[in-house]
PDB file of N, CA and C in Angstrom:
ATOM      1  N   UNK A   1       0.839  -1.177   0.000  1.00  0.00           N
ATOM      2  CA  UNK A   1       0.000   0.000   0.000  1.00  0.00           C
ATOM      3  C   UNK A   1       0.886   1.242   0.000  1.00  0.00           C
ATOM      4  N   UNK A   2       0.594   2.202  -0.853  1.00  0.00           N
ATOM      5  CA  UNK A   2       1.434   3.408  -0.887  1.00  0.00           C
ATOM      6  C   UNK A   2       1.324   4.231   0.398  1.00  0.00           C
ATOM      7  N   UNK A   3       2.401   4.953   0.694  1.00  0.00           N
ATOM      8  CA  UNK A   3       2.466   5.752   1.919  1.00  0.00           C
ATOM      9  C   UNK A   3       1.350   6.783   1.988  1.00  0.00           C
ATOM     10  N   UNK A   4       1.083   7.464   0.874  1.00  0.00           N
ATOM     11  CA  UNK A   4       0.060   8.510   0.883  1.00  0.00           C
ATOM     12  C   UNK A   4      -1.312   7.936   1.212  1.00  0.00           C
ATOM     13  N   UNK A   5      -1.598   6.750   0.714  1.00  0.00           N
ATOM     14  CA  UNK A   5      -2.895   6.133   0.978  1.00  0.00           C
ATOM     15  C   UNK A   5      -3.024   5.733   2.443  1.00  0.00           C
ATOM     16  N   UNK A   6      -1.966   5.201   3.014  1.00  0.00           N
ATOM     17  CA  UNK A   6      -1.969   4.830   4.434  1.00  0.00           C
ATOM     18  C   UNK A   6      -2.206   6.063   5.300  1.00  0.00           C
ATOM     19  N   UNK A   7      -1.504   7.167   4.991  1.00  0.00           N
ATOM     20  CA  UNK A   7      -1.659   8.384   5.785  1.00  0.00           C
ATOM     21  C   UNK A   7      -3.082   8.927   5.701  1.00  0.00           C
ATOM     22  N   UNK A   8      -3.662   8.919   4.505  1.00  0.00           N
ATOM     23  CA  UNK A   8      -5.023   9.434   4.352  1.00  0.00           C
ATOM     24  C   UNK A   8      -6.026   8.554   5.083  1.00  0.00           C
ATOM     25  N   UNK A   9      -5.881   7.235   4.961  1.00  0.00           N
ATOM     26  CA  UNK A   9      -6.816   6.311   5.630  1.00  0.00           C
ATOM     27  C   UNK A   9      -6.713   6.459   7.147  1.00  0.00           C
ATOM     28  N   UNK A  10      -5.497   6.493   7.675  1.00  0.00           N
ATOM     29  CA  UNK A  10      -5.316   6.651   9.123  1.00  0.00           C
ATOM     30  C   UNK A  10      -5.868   8.000   9.571  1.00  0.00           C
ATOM     31  N   UNK A  11      -5.652   9.042   8.778  1.00  0.00           N
ATOM     32  CA  UNK A  11      -6.176  10.366   9.121  1.00  0.00           C
ATOM     33  C   UNK A  11      -7.682  10.389   9.164  1.00  0.00           C
ATOM     34  N   UNK A  12      -8.327   9.741   8.193  1.00  0.00           N
ATOM     35  CA  UNK A  12      -9.793   9.688   8.183  1.00  0.00           C
ATOM     36  C   UNK A  12     -10.310   8.909   9.383  1.00  0.00           C
ATOM     37  N   UNK A  13      -9.669   7.789   9.699  1.00  0.00           N
ATOM     38  CA  UNK A  13     -10.097   6.995  10.857  1.00  0.00           C
ATOM     39  C   UNK A  13      -9.951   7.804  12.139  1.00  0.00           C
ATOM     40  N   UNK A  14      -8.826   8.499  12.305  1.00  0.00           N
ATOM     41  CA  UNK A  14      -8.635   9.311  13.508  1.00  0.00           C
ATOM     42  C   UNK A  14      -9.644  10.447  13.574  1.00  0.00           C
ATOM     43  N   UNK A  15      -9.968  11.047  12.429  1.00  0.00           N
ATOM     44  CA  UNK A  15     -10.955  12.130  12.420  1.00  0.00           C
ATOM     45  C   UNK A  15     -12.328  11.607  12.825  1.00  0.00           C
ATOM     46  N   UNK A  16     -12.671  10.396  12.385  1.00  0.00           N
ATOM     47  CA  UNK A  16     -13.969   9.808  12.737  1.00  0.00           C
ATOM     48  C   UNK A  16     -14.011   9.452  14.220  1.00  0.00           C
ATOM     49  N   UNK A  17     -12.902   8.905  14.731  1.00  0.00           N
ATOM     50  CA  UNK A  17     -12.856   8.472  16.128  1.00  0.00           C
ATOM     51  C   UNK A  17     -12.910   9.661  17.084  1.00  0.00           C
ATOM     52  N   UNK A  18     -12.406  10.810  16.655  1.00  0.00           N
ATOM     53  CA  UNK A  18     -12.479  11.976  17.529  1.00  0.00           C
ATOM     54  C   UNK A  18     -11.184  12.748  17.641  1.00  0.00           C
ATOM     55  N   UNK A  19     -10.129  12.236  17.029  1.00  0.00           N
ATOM     56  CA  UNK A  19      -8.854  12.946  17.036  1.00  0.00           C
ATOM     57  C   UNK A  19      -8.757  13.782  15.759  1.00  0.00           C
ATOM     58  N   UNK A  20      -9.649  14.754  15.648  1.00  0.00           N
ATOM     59  CA  UNK A  20      -9.768  15.538  14.424  1.00  0.00           C
ATOM     60  C   UNK A  20      -8.516  16.281  14.040  1.00  0.00           C
ATOM     61  N   UNK A  21      -7.842  16.892  15.013  1.00  0.00           N
ATOM     62  CA  UNK A  21      -6.634  17.664  14.706  1.00  0.00           C
ATOM     63  C   UNK A  21      -5.541  16.787  14.133  1.00  0.00           C
ATOM     64  N   UNK A  22      -5.289  15.659  14.776  1.00  0.00           N
ATOM     65  CA  UNK A  22      -4.263  14.735  14.296  1.00  0.00           C
ATOM     66  C   UNK A  22      -4.685  14.135  12.962  1.00  0.00           C
ATOM     67  N   UNK A  23      -5.957  13.795  12.843  1.00  0.00           N
ATOM     68  CA  UNK A  23      -6.463  13.225  11.597  1.00  0.00           C
ATOM     69  C   UNK A  23      -6.313  14.183  10.436  1.00  0.00           C
ATOM     70  N   UNK A  24      -6.640  15.446  10.662  1.00  0.00           N
ATOM     71  CA  UNK A  24      -6.501  16.451   9.602  1.00  0.00           C
ATOM     72  C   UNK A  24      -5.051  16.591   9.152  1.00  0.00           C
ATOM     73  N   UNK A  25      -4.143  16.594  10.111  1.00  0.00           N
ATOM     74  CA  UNK A  25      -2.725  16.722   9.775  1.00  0.00           C
ATOM     75  C   UNK A  25      -2.271  15.542   8.924  1.00  0.00           C
ATOM     76  N   UNK A  26      -2.668  14.327   9.312  1.00  0.00           N
ATOM     77  CA  UNK A  26      -2.262  13.150   8.545  1.00  0.00           C
ATOM     78  C   UNK A  26      -2.878  13.153   7.147  1.00  0.00           C
ATOM     79  N   UNK A  27      -4.117  13.601   7.032  1.00  0.00           N
ATOM     80  CA  UNK A  27      -4.762  13.676   5.719  1.00  0.00           C
ATOM     81  C   UNK A  27      -3.983  14.645   4.829  1.00  0.00           C
ATOM     82  N   UNK A  28      -3.628  15.807   5.357  1.00  0.00           N
ATOM     83  CA  UNK A  28      -2.896  16.790   4.554  1.00  0.00           C
ATOM     84  C   UNK A  28      -1.502  16.292   4.196  1.00  0.00           C
ATOM     85  N   UNK A  29      -0.838  15.614   5.119  1.00  0.00           N
ATOM     86  CA  UNK A  29       0.484  15.054   4.808  1.00  0.00           C
ATOM     87  C   UNK A  29       0.356  14.022   3.691  1.00  0.00           C
ATOM     88  N   UNK A  30      -0.681  13.183   3.763  1.00  0.00           N
ATOM     89  CA  UNK A  30      -0.908  12.197   2.706  1.00  0.00           C
ATOM     90  C   UNK A  30      -1.151  12.842   1.361  1.00  0.00           C
ATOM     91  N   UNK A  31      -1.937  13.909   1.333  1.00  0.00           N
ATOM     92  CA  UNK A  31      -2.210  14.618   0.078  1.00  0.00           C
ATOM     93  C   UNK A  31      -0.921  15.248  -0.459  1.00  0.00           C
ATOM     94  N   UNK A  32      -0.117  15.826   0.414  1.00  0.00           N
ATOM     95  CA  UNK A  32       1.140  16.439  -0.017  1.00  0.00           C
ATOM     96  C   UNK A  32       2.085  15.390  -0.591  1.00  0.00           C
ATOM     97  N   UNK A  33       2.186  14.238   0.064  1.00  0.00           N
ATOM     98  CA  UNK A  33       3.047  13.161  -0.444  1.00  0.00           C
ATOM     99  C   UNK A  33       2.557  12.693  -1.808  1.00  0.00           C
ATOM    100  N   UNK A  34       1.239  12.579  -1.979  1.00  0.00           N
ATOM    101  CA  UNK A  34       0.670  12.176  -3.260  1.00  0.00           C
ATOM    102  C   UNK A  34       1.017  13.184  -4.357  1.00  0.00           C
ATOM    103  N   UNK A  35       0.826  14.465  -4.085  1.00  0.00           N
ATOM    104  CA  UNK A  35       1.092  15.507  -5.083  1.00  0.00           C
ATOM    105  C   UNK A  35       2.577  15.544  -5.435  1.00  0.00           C
ATOM    106  N   UNK A  36       3.444  15.462  -4.448  1.00  0.00           N
ATOM    107  CA  UNK A  36       4.884  15.476  -4.700  1.00  0.00           C
ATOM    108  C   UNK A  36       5.284  14.266  -5.551  1.00  0.00           C
ATOM    109  N   UNK A  37       4.703  13.116  -5.257  1.00  0.00           N
ATOM    110  CA  UNK A  37       4.990  11.929  -6.051  1.00  0.00           C
ATOM    111  C   UNK A  37       4.526  12.074  -7.490  1.00  0.00           C
ATOM    112  N   UNK A  38       3.340  12.624  -7.692  1.00  0.00           N
ATOM    113  CA  UNK A  38       2.830  12.821  -9.052  1.00  0.00           C
ATOM    114  C   UNK A  38       3.686  13.814  -9.823  1.00  0.00           C
ATOM    115  N   UNK A  39       4.095  14.897  -9.178  1.00  0.00           N
ATOM    116  CA  UNK A  39       4.957  15.882  -9.839  1.00  0.00           C
ATOM    117  C   UNK A  39       6.290  15.238 -10.208  1.00  0.00           C
ATOM    118  N   UNK A  40       6.828  14.435  -9.318  1.00  0.00           N
ATOM    119  CA  UNK A  40       8.087  13.744  -9.613  1.00  0.00           C
ATOM    120  C   UNK A  40       7.959  12.804 -10.802  1.00  0.00           C
ATOM    121  N   UNK A  41       6.847  12.093 -10.895  1.00  0.00           N
ATOM    122  CA  UNK A  41       6.629  11.197 -12.027  1.00  0.00           C
ATOM    123  C   UNK A  41       6.523  11.993 -13.321  1.00  0.00           C
ATOM    124  N   UNK A  42       5.768  13.092 -13.293  1.00  0.00           N
ATOM    125  CA  UNK A  42       5.612  13.906 -14.496  1.00  0.00           C
ATOM    126  C   UNK A  42       6.932  14.521 -14.945  1.00  0.00           C
ATOM    127  N   UNK A  43       7.738  14.996 -14.013  1.00  0.00           N
ATOM    128  CA  UNK A  43       9.040  15.568 -14.352  1.00  0.00           C
ATOM    129  C   UNK A  43       9.957  14.479 -14.906  1.00  0.00           C
ATOM    130  N   UNK A  44       9.911  13.295 -14.310  1.00  0.00           N
ATOM    131  CA  UNK A  44      10.727  12.181 -14.798  1.00  0.00           C
ATOM    132  C   UNK A  44      10.350  11.772 -16.207  1.00  0.00           C
ATOM    133  N   UNK A  45       9.072  11.765 -16.518  1.00  0.00           N
ATOM    134  CA  UNK A  45       8.635  11.411 -17.865  1.00  0.00           C
ATOM    135  C   UNK A  45       9.076  12.456 -18.875  1.00  0.00           C
ATOM    136  N   UNK A  46       8.999  13.723 -18.490  1.00  0.00           N
ATOM    137  CA  UNK A  46       9.410  14.801 -19.396  1.00  0.00           C
ATOM    138  C   UNK A  46      10.890  14.717 -19.723  1.00  0.00           C
ATOM    139  N   UNK A  47      11.705  14.378 -18.772  1.00  0.00           N
ATOM    140  CA  UNK A  47      13.148  14.290 -18.998  1.00  0.00           C
ATOM    141  C   UNK A  47      13.505  13.045 -19.796  1.00  0.00           C
ATOM    142  N   UNK A  48      12.796  11.954 -19.614  1.00  0.00           N
ATOM    143  CA  UNK A  48      13.136  10.723 -20.315  1.00  0.00           C
ATOM    144  C   UNK A  48      12.806  10.793 -21.806  1.00  0.00           C
ATOM    145  N   UNK A  49      11.881  11.663 -22.195  1.00  0.00           N
ATOM    146  CA  UNK A  49      11.520  11.791 -23.607  1.00  0.00           C
ATOM    147  C   UNK A  49      12.574  12.548 -24.395  1.00  0.00           C
ATOM    148  N   UNK A  50      13.352  13.392 -23.711  1.00  0.00           N
ATOM    149  CA  UNK A  50      14.309  14.249 -24.410  1.00  0.00           C
ATOM    150  C   UNK A  50      15.537  13.465 -24.791  1.00  0.00           C
TER     151      UNK A  50
END
């Protein structure tokens, strides 16, 4: 399971259980990791074509 997915799932579970602040932080960290990974893949593809 990818790291970003684990962070988002754990964040959602914590938010539901009642640890909203911690859950929100984990959700945002998961989203940031996902976006950074996607940008890295796109940059890597652009360089490999040249």
